[in-house]
C-alpha atoms as a PDB file:
ATOM      1  CA  MET A   1     -34.642 144.325  70.059  1.00  0.00           C
ATOM      2  CA  THR A   2     -37.809 146.086  69.897  1.00  0.00           C
ATOM      3  CA  ASP A   3     -39.096 148.032  72.941  1.00  0.00           C
ATOM      4  CA  GLU A   4     -41.716 145.677  72.707  1.00  0.00           C
ATOM      5  CA  GLN A   5     -39.273 142.884  73.492  1.00  0.00           C
ATOM      6  CA  ASP A   6     -37.806 145.036  75.776  1.00  0.00           C
ATOM      7  CA  THR A   7     -41.188 145.670  78.135  1.00  0.00           C
ATOM      8  CA  LYS A   8     -41.758 141.871  77.890  1.00  0.00           C
ATOM      9  CA  THR A   9     -38.663 140.219  79.041  1.00  0.00           C
ATOM     10  CA  PRO A  10     -38.901 140.921  82.986  1.00  0.00           C
ATOM     11  CA  ASP A  11     -42.637 139.364  82.389  1.00  0.00           C
ATOM     12  CA  LEU A  12     -41.008 136.451  80.362  1.00  0.00           C
ATOM     13  CA  ARG A  13     -38.053 135.720  82.532  1.00  0.00           C
ATOM     14  CA  GLU A  14     -40.819 135.705  85.952  1.00  0.00           C
ATOM     15  CA  ARG A  15     -43.460 133.052  84.154  1.00  0.00           C
ATOM     16  CA  LEU A  16     -40.560 130.834  82.158  1.00  0.00           C
ATOM     17  CA  THR A  17     -38.140 128.302  83.713  1.00  0.00           C
ATOM     18  CA  PRO A  18     -34.430 129.280  83.628  1.00  0.00           C
ATOM     19  CA  GLU A  19     -34.518 126.526  80.572  1.00  0.00           C
ATOM     20  CA  GLN A  20     -37.132 128.004  78.592  1.00  0.00           C
ATOM     21  CA  TYR A  21     -35.608 131.165  79.082  1.00  0.00           C
ATOM     22  CA  ARG A  22     -32.549 130.317  77.599  1.00  0.00           C
ATOM     23  CA  VAL A  23     -34.135 128.142  74.756  1.00  0.00           C
ATOM     24  CA  THR A  24     -37.216 130.958  73.877  1.00  0.00           C
ATOM     25  CA  GLN A  25     -34.938 134.162  73.821  1.00  0.00           C
ATOM     26  CA  GLU A  26     -31.697 133.120  73.620  1.00  0.00           C
ATOM     27  CA  ALA A  27     -31.682 130.323  71.238  1.00  0.00           C
ATOM     28  CA  ALA A  28     -30.282 127.404  73.007  1.00  0.00           C
ATOM     29  CA  THR A  29     -31.053 123.941  72.709  1.00  0.00           C
ATOM     30  CA  GLU A  30     -32.346 121.744  75.505  1.00  0.00           C
ATOM     31  CA  ARG A  31     -30.230 118.279  75.774  1.00  0.00           C
ATOM     32  CA  PRO A  32     -31.402 115.010  73.139  1.00  0.00           C
ATOM     33  CA  PHE A  33     -33.413 112.438  75.072  1.00  0.00           C
ATOM     34  CA  THR A  34     -33.945 114.942  78.090  1.00  0.00           C
ATOM     35  CA  GLY A  35     -36.999 117.062  77.133  1.00  0.00           C
ATOM     36  CA  ARG A  36     -40.472 116.960  78.658  1.00  0.00           C
ATOM     37  CA  TYR A  37     -42.555 116.583  75.468  1.00  0.00           C
ATOM     38  CA  TYR A  38     -39.732 113.969  73.412  1.00  0.00           C
ATOM     39  CA  GLN A  39     -41.845 110.714  74.194  1.00  0.00           C
ATOM     40  CA  HIS A  40     -45.171 112.612  74.636  1.00  0.00           C
ATOM     41  CA  ASP A  41     -48.376 110.320  72.625  1.00  0.00           C
ATOM     42  CA  GLY A  42     -51.059 112.747  74.064  1.00  0.00           C
ATOM     43  CA  LYS A  43     -53.891 113.933  71.608  1.00  0.00           C
ATOM     44  CA  GLY A  44     -53.917 118.083  71.097  1.00  0.00           C
ATOM     45  CA  THR A  45     -52.111 121.034  70.132  1.00  0.00           C
ATOM     46  CA  TYR A  46     -48.447 122.071  71.115  1.00  0.00           C
ATOM     47  CA  ARG A  47     -48.748 125.182  71.586  1.00  0.00           C
ATOM     48  CA  CYS A  48     -45.519 128.124  72.313  1.00  0.00           C
ATOM     49  CA  VAL A  49     -44.501 128.893  75.909  1.00  0.00           C
ATOM     50  CA  CYS A  50     -44.278 132.376  75.657  1.00  0.00           C
ATOM     51  CA  CYS A  51     -47.325 133.401  73.986  1.00  0.00           C
ATOM     52  CA  GLY A  52     -49.439 130.388  73.796  1.00  0.00           C
ATOM     53  CA  ASN A  53     -49.709 131.176  70.042  1.00  0.00           C
ATOM     54  CA  ALA A  54     -50.958 127.009  68.219  1.00  0.00           C
ATOM     55  CA  LEU A  55     -47.587 125.257  66.853  1.00  0.00           C
ATOM     56  CA  PHE A  56     -48.110 121.870  65.810  1.00  0.00           C
ATOM     57  CA  ALA A  57     -51.087 119.668  66.048  1.00  0.00           C
ATOM     58  CA  SER A  58     -50.021 115.933  67.777  1.00  0.00           C
ATOM     59  CA  GLY A  59     -51.008 114.301  64.331  1.00  0.00           C
ATOM     60  CA  THR A  60     -47.993 115.662  63.299  1.00  0.00           C
ATOM     61  CA  LYS A  61     -45.832 114.205  65.752  1.00  0.00           C
ATOM     62  CA  PHE A  62     -43.498 111.657  64.833  1.00  0.00           C
ATOM     63  CA  GLU A  63     -40.363 109.777  66.118  1.00  0.00           C
ATOM     64  CA  SER A  64     -37.518 111.014  64.598  1.00  0.00           C
ATOM     65  CA  GLY A  65     -34.901 109.170  66.342  1.00  0.00           C
ATOM     66  CA  SER A  66     -33.243 112.799  67.388  1.00  0.00           C
ATOM     67  CA  GLY A  67     -33.622 113.183  70.841  1.00  0.00           C
ATOM     68  CA  TRP A  68     -36.349 116.014  70.242  1.00  0.00           C
ATOM     69  CA  PRO A  69     -40.098 116.116  69.330  1.00  0.00           C
ATOM     70  CA  SER A  70     -40.077 116.102  65.858  1.00  0.00           C
ATOM     71  CA  PHE A  71     -43.241 117.197  63.298  1.00  0.00           C
ATOM     72  CA  TRP A  72     -43.891 117.049  59.375  1.00  0.00           C
ATOM     73  CA  ALA A  73     -45.993 120.278  59.470  1.00  0.00           C
ATOM     74  CA  PRO A  74     -46.912 123.073  61.281  1.00  0.00           C
ATOM     75  CA  ALA A  75     -51.021 123.756  62.922  1.00  0.00           C
ATOM     76  CA  THR A  76     -50.805 126.129  59.682  1.00  0.00           C
ATOM     77  CA  LEU A  77     -48.772 128.116  57.433  1.00  0.00           C
ATOM     78  CA  GLN A  78     -48.867 131.203  59.274  1.00  0.00           C
ATOM     79  CA  ALA A  79     -48.130 129.250  63.087  1.00  0.00           C
ATOM     80  CA  LEU A  80     -44.136 129.612  62.307  1.00  0.00           C
ATOM     81  CA  ALA A  81     -41.142 132.299  61.065  1.00  0.00           C
ATOM     82  CA  SER A  82     -37.683 130.982  60.074  1.00  0.00           C
ATOM     83  CA  ARG A  83     -34.405 132.408  59.180  1.00  0.00           C
ATOM     84  CA  LYS A  84     -31.086 131.358  58.811  1.00  0.00           C
ATOM     85  CA  ASP A  85     -28.442 129.873  61.629  1.00  0.00           C
ATOM     86  CA  SER A  86     -25.139 129.498  60.723  1.00  0.00           C
ATOM     87  CA  SER A  87     -24.334 129.611  63.996  1.00  0.00           C
ATOM     88  CA  LEU A  88     -22.613 126.063  64.416  1.00  0.00           C
ATOM     89  CA  GLY A  89     -20.405 126.979  61.397  1.00  0.00           C
ATOM     90  CA  HIS A  90     -22.993 125.403  58.754  1.00  0.00           C
ATOM     91  CA  VAL A  91     -26.234 126.262  57.369  1.00  0.00           C
ATOM     92  CA  ARG A  92     -29.586 125.604  58.874  1.00  0.00           C
ATOM     93  CA  GLU A  93     -33.177 127.037  59.278  1.00  0.00           C
ATOM     94  CA  GLU A  94     -34.145 128.308  62.706  1.00  0.00           C
ATOM     95  CA  VAL A  95     -37.889 127.804  63.306  1.00  0.00           C
ATOM     96  CA  LEU A  96     -39.788 131.033  65.387  1.00  0.00           C
ATOM     97  CA  CYS A  97     -42.873 131.334  66.580  1.00  0.00           C
ATOM     98  CA  ALA A  98     -44.795 133.586  64.292  1.00  0.00           C
ATOM     99  CA  GLU A  99     -46.261 135.449  66.936  1.00  0.00           C
ATOM    100  CA  CYS A 100     -43.661 136.266  69.331  1.00  0.00           C
ATOM    101  CA  ASN A 101     -40.492 135.539  67.766  1.00  0.00           C
ATOM    102  CA  ALA A 102     -39.464 133.285  70.632  1.00  0.00           C
ATOM    103  CA  HIS A 103     -36.818 129.921  69.604  1.00  0.00           C
ATOM    104  CA  LEU A 104     -38.031 127.189  69.104  1.00  0.00           C
ATOM    105  CA  GLY A 105     -35.778 124.889  67.419  1.00  0.00           C
ATOM    106  CA  HIS A 106     -34.835 124.142  63.462  1.00  0.00           C
ATOM    107  CA  VAL A 107     -36.227 122.657  60.220  1.00  0.00           C
ATOM    108  CA  PHE A 108     -34.797 119.921  57.960  1.00  0.00           C
ATOM    109  CA  PRO A 109     -35.617 118.485  54.551  1.00  0.00           C
ATOM    110  CA  ASP A 110     -35.100 114.471  56.046  1.00  0.00           C
ATOM    111  CA  GLY A 111     -38.850 114.144  57.288  1.00  0.00           C
ATOM    112  CA  PRO A 112     -41.413 111.592  56.246  1.00  0.00           C
ATOM    113  CA  GLU A 113     -44.141 112.462  54.103  1.00  0.00           C
ATOM    114  CA  PRO A 114     -46.402 114.076  52.656  1.00  0.00           C
ATOM    115  CA  THR A 115     -44.121 116.869  53.710  1.00  0.00           C
ATOM    116  CA  GLY A 116     -40.049 115.910  53.762  1.00  0.00           C
ATOM    117  CA  GLN A 117     -40.159 118.195  56.568  1.00  0.00           C
ATOM    118  CA  ARG A 118     -38.869 117.505  60.039  1.00  0.00           C
ATOM    119  CA  PHE A 119     -39.445 120.305  62.571  1.00  0.00           C
ATOM    120  CA  CYS A 120     -36.762 119.527  65.600  1.00  0.00           C
ATOM    121  CA  ILE A 121     -38.454 121.289  68.404  1.00  0.00           C
ATOM    122  CA  ASN A 122     -37.146 121.614  72.256  1.00  0.00           C
ATOM    123  CA  SER A 123     -39.505 120.739  74.782  1.00  0.00           C
ATOM    124  CA  ALA A 124     -39.158 123.972  76.962  1.00  0.00           C
ATOM    125  CA  ALA A 125     -40.048 126.428  73.755  1.00  0.00           C
ATOM    126  CA  LEU A 126     -43.757 123.947  74.112  1.00  0.00           C
ATOM    127  CA  ASP A 127     -46.519 123.694  76.421  1.00  0.00           C
ATOM    128  CA  PHE A 128     -49.396 121.157  75.320  1.00  0.00           C
ATOM    129  CA  GLU A 129     -53.136 121.485  75.663  1.00  0.00           C
ATOM    130  CA  GLY A 130     -54.852 118.161  75.235  1.00  0.00           C
ATOM    131  CA  GLU A 131     -58.077 117.380  73.714  1.00  0.00           C
ATOM    132  CA  ASP A 132     -61.249 117.299  75.531  1.00  0.00           C
END
């Protein structure tokens, strides 16, 4: 953990709900089919709940049946970072906010065209900004 992250933690604990904090800072996962954006269909931009970075456009959201909001592409190529996650005994690709390193969820190679990717994201890691 960097000094910068150390100084942000008290602020995040105050700003975020306990679940948002557990998901974004401790890599927890919300229960499937319970997240606020799971069945959300508004038009706009999904942003990082910690820093406001634009993560996904609503036009890339799709129903995957997984129980979490799913997207087939990030808002920009620079929006996300990733790293290997072997916490459950098999290797997955963890998805992070490229701006603040918040845990968002995981990406899988079973999504729709044109990318074939399924970004499976916790609602607790997201805010939504609707189109005006």
